[in-house]
Amino acid sequence: MLPSTAKDGKISRITPTLTPGSAVTTSKNDVNYVVTEYGVAQLRGKSVKQRAQALIAIAHPDFRGELTEAAKKMNLF
């Protein structure tokens, strides 16, 4: 469970990539559910495209368009 935004709603916690040098303690294959105030994304067993769609769906509405465009640029859609 995490809030969909940080810094008083100015940045999305759902992001298309990690910041270079970020520590990763759990691999994507170990994550089954991600929960925000906008819903639950079940990720296990899904393709990269399906995972991206599920995460965008639980992001804050103000950031969904930006996340969708980033996914398109990454050839996920």
N, C-alpha and C. Protein backbone atom coordinates (compact mmCIF):
# COMPACT_ATOMS: atom_id res chain seq x y z
N MET A 1 0.86 -1.18 0.00
CA MET A 1 0.00 0.00 0.00
C MET A 1 0.89 1.23 0.00
N LEU A 2 0.60 2.15 -0.91
CA LEU A 2 1.34 3.41 -0.94
C LEU A 2 0.44 4.49 -1.50
N PRO A 3 0.64 5.72 -1.08
CA PRO A 3 -0.11 6.82 -1.68
C PRO A 3 0.34 6.97 -3.14
N SER A 4 -0.55 7.37 -4.00
CA SER A 4 -0.22 7.49 -5.43
C SER A 4 0.69 8.67 -5.73
N THR A 5 0.77 9.63 -4.80
CA THR A 5 1.61 10.81 -5.03
C THR A 5 2.51 11.09 -3.82
N ALA A 6 3.48 11.97 -4.04
CA ALA A 6 4.36 12.44 -2.98
C ALA A 6 4.52 13.95 -3.13
N LYS A 7 5.16 14.55 -2.14
CA LYS A 7 5.42 16.01 -2.14
C LYS A 7 4.15 16.81 -2.39
N ASP A 8 3.14 16.51 -1.56
CA ASP A 8 1.84 17.21 -1.62
C ASP A 8 1.17 17.10 -2.98
N GLY A 9 1.27 15.93 -3.60
CA GLY A 9 0.60 15.69 -4.88
C GLY A 9 1.35 16.19 -6.10
N LYS A 10 2.57 16.63 -5.92
CA LYS A 10 3.33 17.20 -7.04
C LYS A 10 4.04 16.15 -7.89
N ILE A 11 4.31 14.97 -7.32
CA ILE A 11 4.96 13.92 -8.11
C ILE A 11 4.22 12.59 -7.92
N SER A 12 4.27 11.78 -8.95
CA SER A 12 3.64 10.46 -8.91
C SER A 12 4.60 9.44 -8.31
N ARG A 13 4.07 8.56 -7.47
CA ARG A 13 4.88 7.46 -6.96
C ARG A 13 4.91 6.31 -7.96
N ILE A 14 3.99 6.29 -8.90
CA ILE A 14 4.00 5.32 -10.00
C ILE A 14 4.82 5.99 -11.11
N THR A 15 5.94 5.39 -11.47
CA THR A 15 6.84 5.99 -12.45
C THR A 15 7.19 4.98 -13.54
N PRO A 16 7.54 5.47 -14.74
CA PRO A 16 7.87 4.56 -15.83
C PRO A 16 9.22 3.86 -15.64
N THR A 17 10.15 4.50 -14.96
CA THR A 17 11.47 3.91 -14.71
C THR A 17 11.95 4.34 -13.33
N LEU A 18 12.97 3.65 -12.86
CA LEU A 18 13.60 4.05 -11.59
C LEU A 18 14.70 5.05 -11.87
N THR A 19 14.96 5.89 -10.91
CA THR A 19 16.07 6.83 -10.99
C THR A 19 17.37 6.03 -11.00
N PRO A 20 18.30 6.34 -11.90
CA PRO A 20 19.58 5.61 -11.90
C PRO A 20 20.21 5.62 -10.51
N GLY A 21 20.67 4.44 -10.10
CA GLY A 21 21.28 4.30 -8.79
C GLY A 21 20.31 3.97 -7.67
N SER A 22 19.01 3.87 -8.00
CA SER A 22 18.02 3.53 -6.98
C SER A 22 18.26 2.12 -6.47
N ALA A 23 18.05 1.94 -5.18
CA ALA A 23 18.16 0.60 -4.59
C ALA A 23 16.87 -0.17 -4.87
N VAL A 24 17.02 -1.41 -5.30
CA VAL A 24 15.87 -2.28 -5.54
C VAL A 24 15.99 -3.46 -4.59
N THR A 25 15.00 -3.62 -3.72
CA THR A 25 15.06 -4.69 -2.73
C THR A 25 14.12 -5.84 -3.04
N THR A 26 13.18 -5.62 -3.94
CA THR A 26 12.23 -6.65 -4.34
C THR A 26 12.15 -6.67 -5.85
N SER A 27 12.35 -7.83 -6.45
CA SER A 27 12.29 -7.90 -7.92
C SER A 27 10.85 -7.83 -8.40
N LYS A 28 10.67 -7.45 -9.66
CA LYS A 28 9.32 -7.33 -10.21
C LYS A 28 8.59 -8.67 -10.20
N ASN A 29 9.34 -9.76 -10.22
CA ASN A 29 8.70 -11.08 -10.22
C ASN A 29 8.17 -11.47 -8.85
N ASP A 30 8.59 -10.78 -7.80
CA ASP A 30 8.11 -11.07 -6.45
C ASP A 30 6.88 -10.24 -6.07
N VAL A 31 6.57 -9.22 -6.83
CA VAL A 31 5.46 -8.34 -6.49
C VAL A 31 4.17 -8.86 -7.12
N ASN A 32 3.17 -9.10 -6.27
CA ASN A 32 1.89 -9.56 -6.79
C ASN A 32 0.87 -8.42 -6.79
N TYR A 33 0.77 -7.67 -5.70
CA TYR A 33 -0.20 -6.59 -5.61
C TYR A 33 0.47 -5.27 -5.30
N VAL A 34 -0.02 -4.21 -5.93
CA VAL A 34 0.33 -2.83 -5.57
C VAL A 34 -1.00 -2.13 -5.32
N VAL A 35 -1.10 -1.46 -4.19
CA VAL A 35 -2.36 -0.83 -3.79
C VAL A 35 -2.14 0.67 -3.56
N THR A 36 -2.99 1.48 -4.17
CA THR A 36 -3.04 2.92 -3.88
C THR A 36 -4.48 3.27 -3.54
N GLU A 37 -4.72 4.53 -3.26
CA GLU A 37 -6.10 4.95 -2.98
C GLU A 37 -7.01 4.85 -4.20
N TYR A 38 -6.43 4.55 -5.37
CA TYR A 38 -7.21 4.43 -6.61
C TYR A 38 -7.47 2.99 -7.02
N GLY A 39 -7.02 2.04 -6.19
CA GLY A 39 -7.33 0.65 -6.48
C GLY A 39 -6.17 -0.29 -6.25
N VAL A 40 -6.34 -1.51 -6.77
CA VAL A 40 -5.37 -2.58 -6.61
C VAL A 40 -4.92 -3.05 -7.98
N ALA A 41 -3.61 -3.16 -8.17
CA ALA A 41 -3.06 -3.71 -9.40
C ALA A 41 -2.49 -5.09 -9.07
N GLN A 42 -3.07 -6.13 -9.67
CA GLN A 42 -2.52 -7.47 -9.51
C GLN A 42 -1.56 -7.69 -10.67
N LEU A 43 -0.30 -7.95 -10.37
CA LEU A 43 0.75 -7.96 -11.39
C LEU A 43 1.27 -9.34 -11.77
N ARG A 44 1.29 -10.26 -10.85
CA ARG A 44 1.90 -11.57 -11.10
C ARG A 44 1.22 -12.28 -12.28
N GLY A 45 2.06 -12.80 -13.17
CA GLY A 45 1.56 -13.56 -14.31
C GLY A 45 1.15 -12.71 -15.50
N LYS A 46 1.33 -11.41 -15.42
CA LYS A 46 0.93 -10.52 -16.51
C LYS A 46 2.14 -10.14 -17.35
N SER A 47 1.87 -9.79 -18.60
CA SER A 47 2.92 -9.30 -19.49
C SER A 47 3.36 -7.91 -19.05
N VAL A 48 4.46 -7.44 -19.60
CA VAL A 48 4.94 -6.10 -19.26
C VAL A 48 3.88 -5.06 -19.62
N LYS A 49 3.24 -5.21 -20.77
CA LYS A 49 2.19 -4.27 -21.18
C LYS A 49 1.04 -4.29 -20.18
N GLN A 50 0.60 -5.48 -19.79
CA GLN A 50 -0.50 -5.58 -18.84
C GLN A 50 -0.13 -5.02 -17.48
N ARG A 51 1.11 -5.22 -17.06
CA ARG A 51 1.58 -4.67 -15.79
C ARG A 51 1.57 -3.14 -15.85
N ALA A 52 2.04 -2.59 -16.95
CA ALA A 52 2.05 -1.13 -17.11
C ALA A 52 0.62 -0.58 -17.06
N GLN A 53 -0.29 -1.22 -17.77
CA GLN A 53 -1.68 -0.77 -17.78
C GLN A 53 -2.29 -0.82 -16.38
N ALA A 54 -2.01 -1.89 -15.64
CA ALA A 54 -2.56 -2.03 -14.30
C ALA A 54 -2.01 -0.96 -13.36
N LEU A 55 -0.73 -0.67 -13.47
CA LEU A 55 -0.13 0.35 -12.60
C LEU A 55 -0.62 1.75 -12.97
N ILE A 56 -0.76 2.03 -14.25
CA ILE A 56 -1.29 3.34 -14.67
C ILE A 56 -2.72 3.52 -14.15
N ALA A 57 -3.49 2.45 -14.14
CA ALA A 57 -4.88 2.53 -13.68
C ALA A 57 -5.00 2.90 -12.20
N ILE A 58 -3.96 2.63 -11.39
CA ILE A 58 -4.03 2.98 -9.97
C ILE A 58 -3.19 4.20 -9.63
N ALA A 59 -2.62 4.83 -10.64
CA ALA A 59 -1.90 6.09 -10.43
C ALA A 59 -2.90 7.23 -10.25
N HIS A 60 -2.44 8.33 -9.70
CA HIS A 60 -3.30 9.51 -9.55
C HIS A 60 -3.76 9.94 -10.95
N PRO A 61 -5.03 10.29 -11.11
CA PRO A 61 -5.55 10.68 -12.43
C PRO A 61 -4.75 11.79 -13.11
N ASP A 62 -4.17 12.70 -12.36
CA ASP A 62 -3.39 13.79 -12.94
C ASP A 62 -2.14 13.30 -13.67
N PHE A 63 -1.68 12.10 -13.36
CA PHE A 63 -0.44 11.59 -13.94
C PHE A 63 -0.65 10.46 -14.95
N ARG A 64 -1.86 10.00 -15.11
CA ARG A 64 -2.12 8.85 -15.99
C ARG A 64 -1.77 9.13 -17.44
N GLY A 65 -2.08 10.30 -17.94
CA GLY A 65 -1.76 10.65 -19.32
C GLY A 65 -0.26 10.65 -19.56
N GLU A 66 0.46 11.25 -18.64
CA GLU A 66 1.93 11.31 -18.72
C GLU A 66 2.53 9.90 -18.67
N LEU A 67 2.00 9.05 -17.80
CA LEU A 67 2.50 7.67 -17.69
C LEU A 67 2.17 6.87 -18.95
N THR A 68 1.00 7.10 -19.51
CA THR A 68 0.62 6.41 -20.74
C THR A 68 1.54 6.81 -21.89
N GLU A 69 1.83 8.10 -22.00
CA GLU A 69 2.75 8.57 -23.05
C GLU A 69 4.14 7.98 -22.87
N ALA A 70 4.61 7.90 -21.63
CA ALA A 70 5.93 7.32 -21.38
C ALA A 70 5.94 5.84 -21.77
N ALA A 71 4.85 5.13 -21.47
CA ALA A 71 4.76 3.71 -21.84
C ALA A 71 4.78 3.54 -23.36
N LYS A 72 4.11 4.45 -24.07
CA LYS A 72 4.11 4.39 -25.53
C LYS A 72 5.52 4.64 -26.08
N LYS A 73 6.24 5.59 -25.51
CA LYS A 73 7.61 5.88 -25.94
C LYS A 73 8.54 4.70 -25.67
N MET A 74 8.21 3.91 -24.66
CA MET A 74 9.01 2.74 -24.33
C MET A 74 8.55 1.49 -25.10
N ASN A 75 7.61 1.72 -26.05
CA ASN A 75 7.03 0.64 -26.87
C ASN A 75 6.33 -0.44 -26.06
N LEU A 76 5.69 -0.03 -24.98
CA LEU A 76 4.91 -0.98 -24.18
C LEU A 76 3.48 -1.07 -24.68
N PHE A 77 3.01 -0.03 -25.36
CA PHE A 77 1.64 -0.01 -25.93
C PHE A 77 1.73 0.04 -27.42
